[in-house]
Amino acid sequence: IPIKDMLQARQAINKAKKVKAEKYAPKLLKEAVS
């Protein structure tokens, strides 16, 4: 199971939210979550 890969993706998403990706890069953030 690619748990490590999934965890890294989740951490990257959390970091993106911390620097206001919902405001500055909503499309990319949505694609990452999807």
PDB file of all heavy atoms in Angstrom:
ATOM      1  N   ILE A   1       0.854  -1.186   0.000  1.00  0.00           N
ATOM      2  CA  ILE A   1       0.000   0.000   0.000  1.00  0.00           C
ATOM      3  C   ILE A   1       0.893   1.241   0.000  1.00  0.00           C
ATOM      4  O   ILE A   1       1.819   1.328   0.806  1.00  0.00           O
ATOM      5  CB  ILE A   1      -0.901   0.028   1.251  1.00  0.00           C
ATOM      6  CG1 ILE A   1      -1.686  -1.271   1.368  1.00  0.00           C
ATOM      7  CG2 ILE A   1      -1.838   1.222   1.211  1.00  0.00           C
ATOM      8  CD1 ILE A   1      -2.632  -1.518   0.246  1.00  0.00           C
ATOM      9  N   PRO A   2       0.653   2.210  -0.883  1.00  0.00           N
ATOM     10  CA  PRO A   2       1.513   3.408  -0.958  1.00  0.00           C
ATOM     11  C   PRO A   2       1.185   4.423   0.143  1.00  0.00           C
ATOM     12  O   PRO A   2       0.912   5.595  -0.124  1.00  0.00           O
ATOM     13  CB  PRO A   2       1.193   3.962  -2.350  1.00  0.00           C
ATOM     14  CG  PRO A   2      -0.231   3.597  -2.564  1.00  0.00           C
ATOM     15  CD  PRO A   2      -0.385   2.227  -1.939  1.00  0.00           C
ATOM     16  N   ILE A   3       1.230   3.948   1.386  1.00  0.00           N
ATOM     17  CA  ILE A   3       0.870   4.814   2.514  1.00  0.00           C
ATOM     18  C   ILE A   3       1.828   5.997   2.621  1.00  0.00           C
ATOM     19  O   ILE A   3       1.419   7.123   2.879  1.00  0.00           O
ATOM     20  CB  ILE A   3       0.845   4.007   3.830  1.00  0.00           C
ATOM     21  CG1 ILE A   3      -0.308   3.009   3.785  1.00  0.00           C
ATOM     22  CG2 ILE A   3       0.700   4.931   5.035  1.00  0.00           C
ATOM     23  CD1 ILE A   3      -0.390   2.094   4.984  1.00  0.00           C
ATOM     24  N   LYS A   4       3.130   5.738   2.415  1.00  0.00           N
ATOM     25  CA  LYS A   4       4.116   6.810   2.504  1.00  0.00           C
ATOM     26  C   LYS A   4       3.828   7.900   1.465  1.00  0.00           C
ATOM     27  O   LYS A   4       3.865   9.095   1.771  1.00  0.00           O
ATOM     28  CB  LYS A   4       5.525   6.248   2.301  1.00  0.00           C
ATOM     29  CG  LYS A   4       6.608   7.306   2.399  1.00  0.00           C
ATOM     30  CD  LYS A   4       7.992   6.709   2.185  1.00  0.00           C
ATOM     31  CE  LYS A   4       9.058   7.795   2.225  1.00  0.00           C
ATOM     32  NZ  LYS A   4      10.425   7.244   1.997  1.00  0.00           N
ATOM     33  N   ASP A   5       3.513   7.463   0.246  1.00  0.00           N
ATOM     34  CA  ASP A   5       3.217   8.423  -0.829  1.00  0.00           C
ATOM     35  C   ASP A   5       1.969   9.244  -0.497  1.00  0.00           C
ATOM     36  O   ASP A   5       1.921  10.458  -0.729  1.00  0.00           O
ATOM     37  CB  ASP A   5       3.010   7.684  -2.159  1.00  0.00           C
ATOM     38  CG  ASP A   5       4.215   6.868  -2.556  1.00  0.00           C
ATOM     39  OD1 ASP A   5       4.329   5.715  -2.090  1.00  0.00           O
ATOM     40  OD2 ASP A   5       5.043   7.371  -3.331  1.00  0.00           O
ATOM     41  N   MET A   6       0.974   8.556   0.034  1.00  0.00           N
ATOM     42  CA  MET A   6      -0.285   9.224   0.371  1.00  0.00           C
ATOM     43  C   MET A   6      -0.095  10.199   1.535  1.00  0.00           C
ATOM     44  O   MET A   6      -0.675  11.287   1.558  1.00  0.00           O
ATOM     45  CB  MET A   6      -1.347   8.172   0.697  1.00  0.00           C
ATOM     46  CG  MET A   6      -1.670   7.286  -0.500  1.00  0.00           C
ATOM     47  SD  MET A   6      -2.695   5.861  -0.072  1.00  0.00           S
ATOM     48  CE  MET A   6      -4.278   6.652   0.079  1.00  0.00           C
ATOM     49  N   LEU A   7       0.740   9.801   2.490  1.00  0.00           N
ATOM     50  CA  LEU A   7       1.015  10.670   3.635  1.00  0.00           C
ATOM     51  C   LEU A   7       1.761  11.927   3.188  1.00  0.00           C
ATOM     52  O   LEU A   7       1.463  13.033   3.640  1.00  0.00           O
ATOM     53  CB  LEU A   7       1.838   9.911   4.666  1.00  0.00           C
ATOM     54  CG  LEU A   7       2.164  10.669   5.965  1.00  0.00           C
ATOM     55  CD1 LEU A   7       0.884  11.105   6.665  1.00  0.00           C
ATOM     56  CD2 LEU A   7       3.018   9.813   6.882  1.00  0.00           C
ATOM     57  N   GLN A   8       2.712  11.743   2.275  1.00  0.00           N
ATOM     58  CA  GLN A   8       3.463  12.890   1.755  1.00  0.00           C
ATOM     59  C   GLN A   8       2.545  13.845   1.000  1.00  0.00           C
ATOM     60  O   GLN A   8       2.682  15.074   1.101  1.00  0.00           O
ATOM     61  CB  GLN A   8       4.594  12.404   0.833  1.00  0.00           C
ATOM     62  CG  GLN A   8       5.740  11.755   1.591  1.00  0.00           C
ATOM     63  CD  GLN A   8       6.824  11.210   0.691  1.00  0.00           C
ATOM     64  OE1 GLN A   8       7.860  10.744   1.162  1.00  0.00           O
ATOM     65  NE2 GLN A   8       6.609  11.239  -0.606  1.00  0.00           N
ATOM     66  N   ALA A   9       1.599  13.276   0.257  1.00  0.00           N
ATOM     67  CA  ALA A   9       0.633  14.109  -0.472  1.00  0.00           C
ATOM     68  C   ALA A   9      -0.239  14.886   0.507  1.00  0.00           C
ATOM     69  O   ALA A   9      -0.494  16.089   0.322  1.00  0.00           O
ATOM     70  CB  ALA A   9      -0.236  13.228  -1.366  1.00  0.00           C
ATOM     71  N   ARG A  10      -0.663  14.205   1.539  1.00  0.00           N
ATOM     72  CA  ARG A  10      -1.510  14.849   2.545  1.00  0.00           C
ATOM     73  C   ARG A  10      -0.766  15.983   3.250  1.00  0.00           C
ATOM     74  O   ARG A  10      -1.316  17.050   3.504  1.00  0.00           O
ATOM     75  CB  ARG A  10      -1.958  13.797   3.561  1.00  0.00           C
ATOM     76  CG  ARG A  10      -3.031  14.291   4.514  1.00  0.00           C
ATOM     77  CD  ARG A  10      -3.498  13.142   5.388  1.00  0.00           C
ATOM     78  NE  ARG A  10      -4.514  13.597   6.320  1.00  0.00           N
ATOM     79  CZ  ARG A  10      -4.598  13.220   7.581  1.00  0.00           C
ATOM     80  NH1 ARG A  10      -3.706  12.392   8.067  1.00  0.00           N
ATOM     81  NH2 ARG A  10      -5.560  13.653   8.362  1.00  0.00           N
ATOM     82  N   GLN A  11       0.487  15.748   3.564  1.00  0.00           N
ATOM     83  CA  GLN A  11       1.302  16.779   4.217  1.00  0.00           C
ATOM     84  C   GLN A  11       1.498  17.984   3.302  1.00  0.00           C
ATOM     85  O   GLN A  11       1.456  19.138   3.749  1.00  0.00           O
ATOM     86  CB  GLN A  11       2.655  16.190   4.629  1.00  0.00           C
ATOM     87  CG  GLN A  11       2.561  15.200   5.780  1.00  0.00           C
ATOM     88  CD  GLN A  11       3.871  14.476   6.055  1.00  0.00           C
ATOM     89  OE1 GLN A  11       4.743  14.384   5.176  1.00  0.00           O
ATOM     90  NE2 GLN A  11       4.019  13.953   7.265  1.00  0.00           N
ATOM     91  N   ALA A  12       1.701  17.716   2.010  1.00  0.00           N
ATOM     92  CA  ALA A  12       1.882  18.800   1.042  1.00  0.00           C
ATOM     93  C   ALA A  12       0.609  19.641   0.919  1.00  0.00           C
ATOM     94  O   ALA A  12       0.661  20.873   0.810  1.00  0.00           O
ATOM     95  CB  ALA A  12       2.271  18.226  -0.320  1.00  0.00           C
ATOM     96  N   ILE A  13      -0.540  18.979   0.959  1.00  0.00           N
ATOM     97  CA  ILE A  13      -1.829  19.686   0.899  1.00  0.00           C
ATOM     98  C   ILE A  13      -2.010  20.564   2.134  1.00  0.00           C
ATOM     99  O   ILE A  13      -2.451  21.717   2.036  1.00  0.00           O
ATOM    100  CB  ILE A  13      -2.994  18.680   0.767  1.00  0.00           C
ATOM    101  CG1 ILE A  13      -2.992  18.066  -0.638  1.00  0.00           C
ATOM    102  CG2 ILE A  13      -4.340  19.359   1.035  1.00  0.00           C
ATOM    103  CD1 ILE A  13      -3.954  16.909  -0.811  1.00  0.00           C
ATOM    104  N   ASN A  14      -1.665  20.028   3.291  1.00  0.00           N
ATOM    105  CA  ASN A  14      -1.773  20.810   4.530  1.00  0.00           C
ATOM    106  C   ASN A  14      -0.872  22.043   4.486  1.00  0.00           C
ATOM    107  O   ASN A  14      -1.253  23.129   4.938  1.00  0.00           O
ATOM    108  CB  ASN A  14      -1.426  19.945   5.740  1.00  0.00           C
ATOM    109  CG  ASN A  14      -2.509  18.921   6.047  1.00  0.00           C
ATOM    110  OD1 ASN A  14      -3.659  19.089   5.649  1.00  0.00           O
ATOM    111  ND2 ASN A  14      -2.147  17.860   6.745  1.00  0.00           N
ATOM    112  N   LYS A  15       0.331  21.874   3.931  1.00  0.00           N
ATOM    113  CA  LYS A  15       1.251  23.006   3.797  1.00  0.00           C
ATOM    114  C   LYS A  15       0.693  24.042   2.819  1.00  0.00           C
ATOM    115  O   LYS A  15       0.804  25.247   3.052  1.00  0.00           O
ATOM    116  CB  LYS A  15       2.621  22.513   3.327  1.00  0.00           C
ATOM    117  CG  LYS A  15       3.381  21.737   4.391  1.00  0.00           C
ATOM    118  CD  LYS A  15       4.639  21.088   3.849  1.00  0.00           C
ATOM    119  CE  LYS A  15       5.719  22.076   3.534  1.00  0.00           C
ATOM    120  NZ  LYS A  15       6.980  21.412   3.129  1.00  0.00           N
ATOM    121  N   ALA A  16       0.078  23.550   1.740  1.00  0.00           N
ATOM    122  CA  ALA A  16      -0.516  24.462   0.758  1.00  0.00           C
ATOM    123  C   ALA A  16      -1.614  25.306   1.391  1.00  0.00           C
ATOM    124  O   ALA A  16      -1.716  26.515   1.155  1.00  0.00           O
ATOM    125  CB  ALA A  16      -1.070  23.662  -0.423  1.00  0.00           C
ATOM    126  N   LYS A  17      -2.427  24.669   2.217  1.00  0.00           N
ATOM    127  CA  LYS A  17      -3.497  25.399   2.895  1.00  0.00           C
ATOM    128  C   LYS A  17      -2.931  26.429   3.866  1.00  0.00           C
ATOM    129  O   LYS A  17      -3.494  27.513   4.041  1.00  0.00           O
ATOM    130  CB  LYS A  17      -4.413  24.424   3.627  1.00  0.00           C
ATOM    131  CG  LYS A  17      -5.267  23.573   2.690  1.00  0.00           C
ATOM    132  CD  LYS A  17      -6.144  22.604   3.472  1.00  0.00           C
ATOM    133  CE  LYS A  17      -7.041  21.796   2.540  1.00  0.00           C
ATOM    134  NZ  LYS A  17      -7.893  20.829   3.286  1.00  0.00           N
ATOM    135  N   LYS A  18      -1.799  26.088   4.485  1.00  0.00           N
ATOM    136  CA  LYS A  18      -1.176  26.990   5.457  1.00  0.00           C
ATOM    137  C   LYS A  18      -0.705  28.282   4.805  1.00  0.00           C
ATOM    138  O   LYS A  18      -0.697  29.342   5.445  1.00  0.00           O
ATOM    139  CB  LYS A  18       0.003  26.278   6.132  1.00  0.00           C
ATOM    140  CG  LYS A  18       0.590  27.031   7.308  1.00  0.00           C
ATOM    141  CD  LYS A  18       1.627  26.198   8.039  1.00  0.00           C
ATOM    142  CE  LYS A  18       2.177  26.940   9.246  1.00  0.00           C
ATOM    143  NZ  LYS A  18       3.190  26.121   9.976  1.00  0.00           N
ATOM    144  N   VAL A  19      -0.321  28.206   3.527  1.00  0.00           N
ATOM    145  CA  VAL A  19       0.135  29.417   2.830  1.00  0.00           C
ATOM    146  C   VAL A  19      -0.956  29.986   1.906  1.00  0.00           C
ATOM    147  O   VAL A  19      -0.691  30.656   0.924  1.00  0.00           O
ATOM    148  CB  VAL A  19       1.443  29.163   2.043  1.00  0.00           C
ATOM    149  CG1 VAL A  19       2.596  28.940   3.003  1.00  0.00           C
ATOM    150  CG2 VAL A  19       1.311  27.989   1.088  1.00  0.00           C
ATOM    151  N   LYS A  20      -2.213  29.663   2.242  1.00  0.00           N
ATOM    152  CA  LYS A  20      -3.389  30.269   1.609  1.00  0.00           C
ATOM    153  C   LYS A  20      -3.592  29.863   0.143  1.00  0.00           C
ATOM    154  O   LYS A  20      -3.962  30.669  -0.704  1.00  0.00           O
ATOM    155  CB  LYS A  20      -3.329  31.800   1.710  1.00  0.00           C
ATOM    156  CG  LYS A  20      -3.150  32.324   3.122  1.00  0.00           C
ATOM    157  CD  LYS A  20      -3.113  33.851   3.141  1.00  0.00           C
ATOM    158  CE  LYS A  20      -2.841  34.391   4.524  1.00  0.00           C
ATOM    159  NZ  LYS A  20      -2.780  35.870   4.551  1.00  0.00           N
ATOM    160  N   ALA A  21      -3.373  28.578  -0.137  1.00  0.00           N
ATOM    161  CA  ALA A  21      -3.593  28.087  -1.494  1.00  0.00           C
ATOM    162  C   ALA A  21      -5.054  28.210  -1.916  1.00  0.00           C
ATOM    163  O   ALA A  21      -5.359  28.354  -3.098  1.00  0.00           O
ATOM    164  CB  ALA A  21      -3.143  26.636  -1.613  1.00  0.00           C
ATOM    165  N   GLU A  22      -5.961  28.162  -0.936  1.00  0.00           N
ATOM    166  CA  GLU A  22      -7.385  28.305  -1.263  1.00  0.00           C
ATOM    167  C   GLU A  22      -7.672  29.672  -1.885  1.00  0.00           C
ATOM    168  O   GLU A  22      -8.607  29.825  -2.654  1.00  0.00           O
ATOM    169  CB  GLU A  22      -8.224  28.110   0.003  1.00  0.00           C
ATOM    170  CG  GLU A  22      -8.288  26.651   0.424  1.00  0.00           C
ATOM    171  CD  GLU A  22      -8.345  26.478   1.943  1.00  0.00           C
ATOM    172  OE1 GLU A  22      -7.581  27.142   2.649  1.00  0.00           O
ATOM    173  OE2 GLU A  22      -9.150  25.660   2.397  1.00  0.00           O
ATOM    174  N   LYS A  23      -6.837  30.645  -1.553  1.00  0.00           N
ATOM    175  CA  LYS A  23      -6.991  31.998  -2.100  1.00  0.00           C
ATOM    176  C   LYS A  23      -6.181  32.194  -3.373  1.00  0.00           C
ATOM    177  O   LYS A  23      -6.679  32.772  -4.342  1.00  0.00           O
ATOM    178  CB  LYS A  23      -6.548  33.024  -1.053  1.00  0.00           C
ATOM    179  CG  LYS A  23      -6.603  34.469  -1.536  1.00  0.00           C
ATOM    180  CD  LYS A  23      -6.168  35.439  -0.441  1.00  0.00           C
ATOM    181  CE  LYS A  23      -6.225  36.884  -0.934  1.00  0.00           C
ATOM    182  NZ  LYS A  23      -5.782  37.839   0.135  1.00  0.00           N
ATOM    183  N   TYR A  24      -4.938  31.733  -3.381  1.00  0.00           N
ATOM    184  CA  TYR A  24      -4.026  32.044  -4.480  1.00  0.00           C
ATOM    185  C   TYR A  24      -3.911  30.961  -5.562  1.00  0.00           C
ATOM    186  O   TYR A  24      -3.493  31.258  -6.677  1.00  0.00           O
ATOM    187  CB  TYR A  24      -2.629  32.324  -3.926  1.00  0.00           C
ATOM    188  CG  TYR A  24      -2.587  33.469  -2.959  1.00  0.00           C
ATOM    189  CD1 TYR A  24      -2.253  33.264  -1.619  1.00  0.00           C
ATOM    190  CD2 TYR A  24      -2.894  34.763  -3.361  1.00  0.00           C
ATOM    191  CE1 TYR A  24      -2.216  34.310  -0.712  1.00  0.00           C
ATOM    192  CE2 TYR A  24      -2.858  35.819  -2.467  1.00  0.00           C
ATOM    193  CZ  TYR A  24      -2.524  35.589  -1.144  1.00  0.00           C
ATOM    194  OH  TYR A  24      -2.492  36.626  -0.250  1.00  0.00           O
ATOM    195  N   ALA A  25      -4.237  29.713  -5.216  1.00  0.00           N
ATOM    196  CA  ALA A  25      -4.129  28.624  -6.199  1.00  0.00           C
ATOM    197  C   ALA A  25      -5.248  27.611  -5.980  1.00  0.00           C
ATOM    198  O   ALA A  25      -4.997  26.416  -5.787  1.00  0.00           O
ATOM    199  CB  ALA A  25      -2.767  27.953  -6.082  1.00  0.00           C
ATOM    200  N   PRO A  26      -6.508  28.062  -6.013  1.00  0.00           N
ATOM    201  CA  PRO A  26      -7.633  27.170  -5.703  1.00  0.00           C
ATOM    202  C   PRO A  26      -7.769  25.985  -6.656  1.00  0.00           C
ATOM    203  O   PRO A  26      -8.103  24.877  -6.233  1.00  0.00           O
ATOM    204  CB  PRO A  26      -8.850  28.097  -5.785  1.00  0.00           C
ATOM    205  CG  PRO A  26      -8.405  29.240  -6.655  1.00  0.00           C
ATOM    206  CD  PRO A  26      -6.955  29.422  -6.343  1.00  0.00           C
ATOM    207  N   LYS A  27      -7.487  26.202  -7.937  1.00  0.00           N
ATOM    208  CA  LYS A  27      -7.640  25.125  -8.921  1.00  0.00           C
ATOM    209  C   LYS A  27      -6.620  24.012  -8.657  1.00  0.00           C
ATOM    210  O   LYS A  27      -6.975  22.823  -8.652  1.00  0.00           O
ATOM    211  CB  LYS A  27      -7.451  25.684 -10.335  1.00  0.00           C
ATOM    212  CG  LYS A  27      -7.701  24.672 -11.449  1.00  0.00           C
ATOM    213  CD  LYS A  27      -7.648  25.354 -12.816  1.00  0.00           C
ATOM    214  CE  LYS A  27      -7.956  24.372 -13.940  1.00  0.00           C
ATOM    215  NZ  LYS A  27      -6.924  23.313 -14.089  1.00  0.00           N
ATOM    216  N   LEU A  28      -5.368  24.390  -8.451  1.00  0.00           N
ATOM    217  CA  LEU A  28      -4.328  23.393  -8.178  1.00  0.00           C
ATOM    218  C   LEU A  28      -4.600  22.649  -6.869  1.00  0.00           C
ATOM    219  O   LEU A  28      -4.417  21.434  -6.786  1.00  0.00           O
ATOM    220  CB  LEU A  28      -2.960  24.083  -8.100  1.00  0.00           C
ATOM    221  CG  LEU A  28      -2.283  24.418  -9.429  1.00  0.00           C
ATOM    222  CD1 LEU A  28      -1.043  25.280  -9.185  1.00  0.00           C
ATOM    223  CD2 LEU A  28      -1.896  23.156 -10.179  1.00  0.00           C
ATOM    224  N   LEU A  29      -5.046  23.380  -5.864  1.00  0.00           N
ATOM    225  CA  LEU A  29      -5.344  22.748  -4.581  1.00  0.00           C
ATOM    226  C   LEU A  29      -6.485  21.747  -4.725  1.00  0.00           C
ATOM    227  O   LEU A  29      -6.430  20.631  -4.181  1.00  0.00           O
ATOM    228  CB  LEU A  29      -5.701  23.803  -3.537  1.00  0.00           C
ATOM    229  CG  LEU A  29      -6.036  23.262  -2.143  1.00  0.00           C
ATOM    230  CD1 LEU A  29      -4.843  22.508  -1.548  1.00  0.00           C
ATOM    231  CD2 LEU A  29      -6.462  24.391  -1.218  1.00  0.00           C
ATOM    232  N   LYS A  30      -7.508  22.129  -5.473  1.00  0.00           N
ATOM    233  CA  LYS A  30      -8.644  21.242  -5.697  1.00  0.00           C
ATOM    234  C   LYS A  30      -8.199  19.974  -6.417  1.00  0.00           C
ATOM    235  O   LYS A  30      -8.642  18.866  -6.089  1.00  0.00           O
ATOM    236  CB  LYS A  30      -9.717  21.965  -6.521  1.00  0.00           C
ATOM    237  CG  LYS A  30     -10.978  21.164  -6.728  1.00  0.00           C
ATOM    238  CD  LYS A  30     -12.018  21.968  -7.506  1.00  0.00           C
ATOM    239  CE  LYS A  30     -13.284  21.146  -7.720  1.00  0.00           C
ATOM    240  NZ  LYS A  30     -14.297  21.920  -8.491  1.00  0.00           N
ATOM    241  N   GLU A  31      -7.305  20.129  -7.395  1.00  0.00           N
ATOM    242  CA  GLU A  31      -6.796  18.971  -8.137  1.00  0.00           C
ATOM    243  C   GLU A  31      -5.962  18.062  -7.225  1.00  0.00           C
ATOM    244  O   GLU A  31      -6.020  16.835  -7.343  1.00  0.00           O
ATOM    245  CB  GLU A  31      -5.948  19.448  -9.318  1.00  0.00           C
ATOM    246  CG  GLU A  31      -6.771  20.115 -10.423  1.00  0.00           C
ATOM    247  CD  GLU A  31      -5.903  20.738 -11.504  1.00  0.00           C
ATOM    248  OE1 GLU A  31      -4.662  20.770 -11.326  1.00  0.00           O
ATOM    249  OE2 GLU A  31      -6.456  21.206 -12.518  1.00  0.00           O
ATOM    250  N   ALA A  32      -5.206  18.674  -6.319  1.00  0.00           N
ATOM    251  CA  ALA A  32      -4.381  17.894  -5.386  1.00  0.00           C
ATOM    252  C   ALA A  32      -5.261  17.060  -4.459  1.00  0.00           C
ATOM    253  O   ALA A  32      -5.009  15.867  -4.251  1.00  0.00           O
ATOM    254  CB  ALA A  32      -3.498  18.835  -4.575  1.00  0.00           C
ATOM    255  N   VAL A  33      -6.292  17.688  -3.919  1.00  0.00           N
ATOM    256  CA  VAL A  33      -7.212  16.987  -3.012  1.00  0.00           C
ATOM    257  C   VAL A  33      -7.946  15.881  -3.755  1.00  0.00           C
ATOM    258  O   VAL A  33      -8.091  14.754  -3.260  1.00  0.00           O
ATOM    259  CB  VAL A  33      -8.211  17.979  -2.381  1.00  0.00           C
ATOM    260  CG1 VAL A  33      -9.283  17.229  -1.592  1.00  0.00           C
ATOM    261  CG2 VAL A  33      -7.488  18.962  -1.472  1.00  0.00           C
ATOM    262  N   SER A  34      -8.390  16.199  -4.965  1.00  0.00           N
ATOM    263  CA  SER A  34      -9.121  15.225  -5.774  1.00  0.00           C
ATOM    264  C   SER A  34      -8.258  13.999  -6.079  1.00  0.00           C
ATOM    265  O   SER A  34      -8.726  12.856  -6.015  1.00  0.00           O
ATOM    266  CB  SER A  34      -9.585  15.891  -7.080  1.00  0.00           C
ATOM    267  OG  SER A  34     -10.242  14.958  -7.907  1.00  0.00           O
TER     268      SER A  34
END
